[in-house]
Amino acid sequence: MKPSAIGLDGPDRDLPDAHGFPVHDALLPRGILIVENLANLGVSKSETFEFIGLSLKIGDGTGSPMRAMAVVD
């Protein structure tokens, strides 16, 4: 099963001195969204949960602040 998104608990994985954005360039064309700087979702690694990310609608934007939630099974 192909993931539809990945979530990180820190800033993006593209290094500041990297040429371009290799992680973004590998994931986004495949339809895999990147959610960065997640914290305090209250979920352990062993739990199954549904992720809900409510972002702002920003015209012609490439990112948005979001309210992130985890619904634990």
N, C-alpha and C. Protein backbone atom coordinates (compact mmCIF):
# COMPACT_ATOMS: atom_id res chain seq x y z
N MET A 1 0.84 -1.18 0.00
CA MET A 1 0.00 0.00 0.00
C MET A 1 0.89 1.25 0.00
N LYS A 2 0.62 2.16 -0.89
CA LYS A 2 1.39 3.41 -1.01
C LYS A 2 0.90 4.43 0.02
N PRO A 3 1.82 5.06 0.75
CA PRO A 3 1.38 6.09 1.69
C PRO A 3 0.86 7.33 0.95
N SER A 4 -0.09 8.01 1.55
CA SER A 4 -0.60 9.25 0.95
C SER A 4 0.09 10.47 1.55
N ALA A 5 0.78 10.26 2.70
CA ALA A 5 1.48 11.36 3.36
C ALA A 5 2.52 10.80 4.32
N ILE A 6 3.51 11.61 4.65
CA ILE A 6 4.43 11.28 5.73
C ILE A 6 4.42 12.44 6.71
N GLY A 7 4.58 12.13 7.98
CA GLY A 7 4.61 13.16 9.01
C GLY A 7 5.94 13.13 9.74
N LEU A 8 6.46 14.29 10.04
CA LEU A 8 7.75 14.44 10.73
C LEU A 8 7.55 15.27 11.99
N ASP A 9 8.31 14.95 13.03
CA ASP A 9 8.20 15.75 14.25
C ASP A 9 9.26 16.85 14.29
N GLY A 10 9.82 17.18 13.15
CA GLY A 10 10.81 18.24 13.05
C GLY A 10 10.67 18.94 11.70
N PRO A 11 11.62 19.80 11.40
CA PRO A 11 11.58 20.50 10.11
C PRO A 11 11.85 19.55 8.96
N ASP A 12 11.79 20.04 7.75
CA ASP A 12 11.91 19.16 6.58
C ASP A 12 13.25 18.45 6.53
N ARG A 13 13.30 17.37 5.77
CA ARG A 13 14.48 16.52 5.66
C ARG A 13 15.47 17.01 4.61
N ASP A 14 15.10 17.99 3.83
CA ASP A 14 16.04 18.56 2.86
C ASP A 14 17.05 19.42 3.61
N LEU A 15 18.33 19.10 3.47
CA LEU A 15 19.37 19.81 4.20
C LEU A 15 19.49 21.24 3.70
N PRO A 16 19.80 22.17 4.59
CA PRO A 16 19.91 23.58 4.18
C PRO A 16 20.93 23.81 3.08
N ASP A 17 21.99 23.01 3.05
CA ASP A 17 23.01 23.21 2.02
C ASP A 17 22.82 22.30 0.81
N ALA A 18 21.70 21.56 0.77
CA ALA A 18 21.44 20.68 -0.37
C ALA A 18 21.12 21.51 -1.61
N HIS A 19 21.43 20.94 -2.75
CA HIS A 19 21.08 21.60 -4.01
C HIS A 19 19.65 21.23 -4.36
N GLY A 20 18.74 22.16 -4.23
CA GLY A 20 17.34 21.88 -4.50
C GLY A 20 16.66 21.25 -3.28
N PHE A 21 15.62 20.51 -3.54
CA PHE A 21 14.83 19.87 -2.49
C PHE A 21 14.61 18.41 -2.85
N PRO A 22 15.64 17.55 -2.71
CA PRO A 22 15.54 16.16 -3.18
C PRO A 22 14.43 15.35 -2.52
N VAL A 23 14.19 15.55 -1.23
CA VAL A 23 13.12 14.79 -0.56
C VAL A 23 11.77 15.23 -1.11
N HIS A 24 11.55 16.53 -1.19
CA HIS A 24 10.29 17.04 -1.73
C HIS A 24 10.13 16.60 -3.19
N ASP A 25 11.20 16.68 -3.97
CA ASP A 25 11.14 16.31 -5.39
C ASP A 25 10.85 14.82 -5.57
N ALA A 26 11.23 13.98 -4.61
CA ALA A 26 10.97 12.55 -4.71
C ALA A 26 9.54 12.19 -4.30
N LEU A 27 9.01 12.88 -3.28
CA LEU A 27 7.70 12.50 -2.73
C LEU A 27 6.52 13.20 -3.39
N LEU A 28 6.60 14.50 -3.56
CA LEU A 28 5.43 15.25 -4.04
C LEU A 28 4.95 14.83 -5.43
N PRO A 29 5.82 14.57 -6.42
CA PRO A 29 5.32 14.12 -7.73
C PRO A 29 4.60 12.77 -7.67
N ARG A 30 4.86 12.00 -6.62
CA ARG A 30 4.20 10.71 -6.44
C ARG A 30 2.89 10.84 -5.65
N GLY A 31 2.51 12.08 -5.36
CA GLY A 31 1.26 12.32 -4.63
C GLY A 31 1.37 12.07 -3.14
N ILE A 32 2.60 12.05 -2.59
CA ILE A 32 2.80 11.83 -1.17
C ILE A 32 3.04 13.19 -0.51
N LEU A 33 2.10 13.60 0.33
CA LEU A 33 2.21 14.89 1.01
C LEU A 33 3.20 14.82 2.15
N ILE A 34 3.78 15.95 2.51
CA ILE A 34 4.75 16.03 3.59
C ILE A 34 4.20 16.97 4.67
N VAL A 35 4.06 16.44 5.89
CA VAL A 35 3.57 17.23 7.02
C VAL A 35 4.73 17.35 8.00
N GLU A 36 5.18 18.59 8.24
CA GLU A 36 6.37 18.82 9.05
C GLU A 36 6.02 19.47 10.38
N ASN A 37 6.92 19.33 11.33
CA ASN A 37 6.82 19.96 12.66
C ASN A 37 5.61 19.50 13.46
N LEU A 38 5.28 18.23 13.38
CA LEU A 38 4.19 17.68 14.19
C LEU A 38 4.66 17.49 15.62
N ALA A 39 3.80 17.71 16.58
CA ALA A 39 4.13 17.50 17.99
C ALA A 39 2.86 17.31 18.79
N ASN A 40 2.97 16.58 19.87
CA ASN A 40 1.89 16.44 20.86
C ASN A 40 0.59 15.88 20.30
N LEU A 41 0.69 14.88 19.42
CA LEU A 41 -0.53 14.25 18.92
C LEU A 41 -1.08 13.24 19.94
N GLY A 42 -0.28 12.87 20.93
CA GLY A 42 -0.74 11.96 21.97
C GLY A 42 -0.90 10.54 21.49
N VAL A 43 -0.05 10.10 20.57
CA VAL A 43 -0.15 8.76 20.00
C VAL A 43 1.18 8.05 20.21
N SER A 44 1.12 6.79 20.67
CA SER A 44 2.35 6.01 20.79
C SER A 44 2.63 5.32 19.47
N LYS A 45 3.87 4.88 19.29
CA LYS A 45 4.27 4.23 18.03
C LYS A 45 3.48 2.96 17.76
N SER A 46 2.96 2.32 18.80
CA SER A 46 2.25 1.05 18.62
C SER A 46 0.76 1.22 18.34
N GLU A 47 0.25 2.42 18.46
CA GLU A 47 -1.19 2.65 18.26
C GLU A 47 -1.52 2.88 16.79
N THR A 48 -2.69 2.43 16.40
CA THR A 48 -3.23 2.73 15.09
C THR A 48 -4.14 3.94 15.24
N PHE A 49 -4.02 4.87 14.31
CA PHE A 49 -4.83 6.08 14.42
C PHE A 49 -5.12 6.64 13.03
N GLU A 50 -6.12 7.50 12.99
CA GLU A 50 -6.44 8.25 11.77
C GLU A 50 -5.93 9.67 11.95
N PHE A 51 -5.20 10.15 10.96
CA PHE A 51 -4.66 11.50 11.01
C PHE A 51 -5.60 12.44 10.27
N ILE A 52 -5.89 13.57 10.88
CA ILE A 52 -6.70 14.61 10.25
C ILE A 52 -5.89 15.89 10.28
N GLY A 53 -5.66 16.48 9.12
CA GLY A 53 -4.92 17.73 9.03
C GLY A 53 -5.79 18.80 8.38
N LEU A 54 -6.13 19.81 9.12
CA LEU A 54 -6.99 20.88 8.62
C LEU A 54 -6.12 22.08 8.27
N SER A 55 -5.90 22.28 7.01
CA SER A 55 -5.02 23.36 6.56
C SER A 55 -5.83 24.54 6.04
N LEU A 56 -5.15 25.65 5.87
CA LEU A 56 -5.77 26.84 5.31
C LEU A 56 -5.79 26.76 3.80
N LYS A 57 -6.79 27.31 3.18
CA LYS A 57 -6.86 27.37 1.72
C LYS A 57 -6.12 28.62 1.28
N ILE A 58 -4.92 28.44 0.74
CA ILE A 58 -4.10 29.57 0.32
C ILE A 58 -3.92 29.48 -1.19
N GLY A 59 -4.47 30.43 -1.92
CA GLY A 59 -4.37 30.42 -3.38
C GLY A 59 -2.93 30.47 -3.84
N ASP A 60 -2.58 29.58 -4.76
CA ASP A 60 -1.23 29.50 -5.33
C ASP A 60 -0.15 29.29 -4.27
N GLY A 61 -0.51 28.79 -3.10
CA GLY A 61 0.47 28.54 -2.05
C GLY A 61 1.08 27.16 -2.17
N THR A 62 2.24 26.99 -1.56
CA THR A 62 2.90 25.68 -1.57
C THR A 62 2.90 25.05 -0.19
N GLY A 63 2.30 25.70 0.78
CA GLY A 63 2.24 25.17 2.13
C GLY A 63 1.24 25.96 2.95
N SER A 64 0.98 25.49 4.16
CA SER A 64 0.00 26.15 5.01
C SER A 64 0.19 25.72 6.45
N PRO A 65 -0.08 26.61 7.40
CA PRO A 65 -0.21 26.15 8.79
C PRO A 65 -1.41 25.20 8.85
N MET A 66 -1.40 24.28 9.80
CA MET A 66 -2.52 23.35 9.90
C MET A 66 -2.80 22.98 11.34
N ARG A 67 -4.03 22.60 11.59
CA ARG A 67 -4.40 22.00 12.87
C ARG A 67 -4.33 20.49 12.66
N ALA A 68 -3.42 19.83 13.36
CA ALA A 68 -3.21 18.39 13.20
C ALA A 68 -3.87 17.66 14.35
N MET A 69 -4.58 16.57 14.02
CA MET A 69 -5.27 15.77 15.03
C MET A 69 -5.06 14.30 14.75
N ALA A 70 -5.02 13.50 15.80
CA ALA A 70 -4.96 12.06 15.68
C ALA A 70 -6.20 11.47 16.38
N VAL A 71 -6.95 10.65 15.66
CA VAL A 71 -8.10 9.96 16.23
C VAL A 71 -7.66 8.52 16.46
N VAL A 72 -7.50 8.14 17.73
CA VAL A 72 -6.99 6.83 18.10
C VAL A 72 -8.11 5.81 18.04
N ASP A 73 -7.83 4.65 17.42
CA ASP A 73 -8.83 3.57 17.33
C ASP A 73 -9.15 3.02 18.71
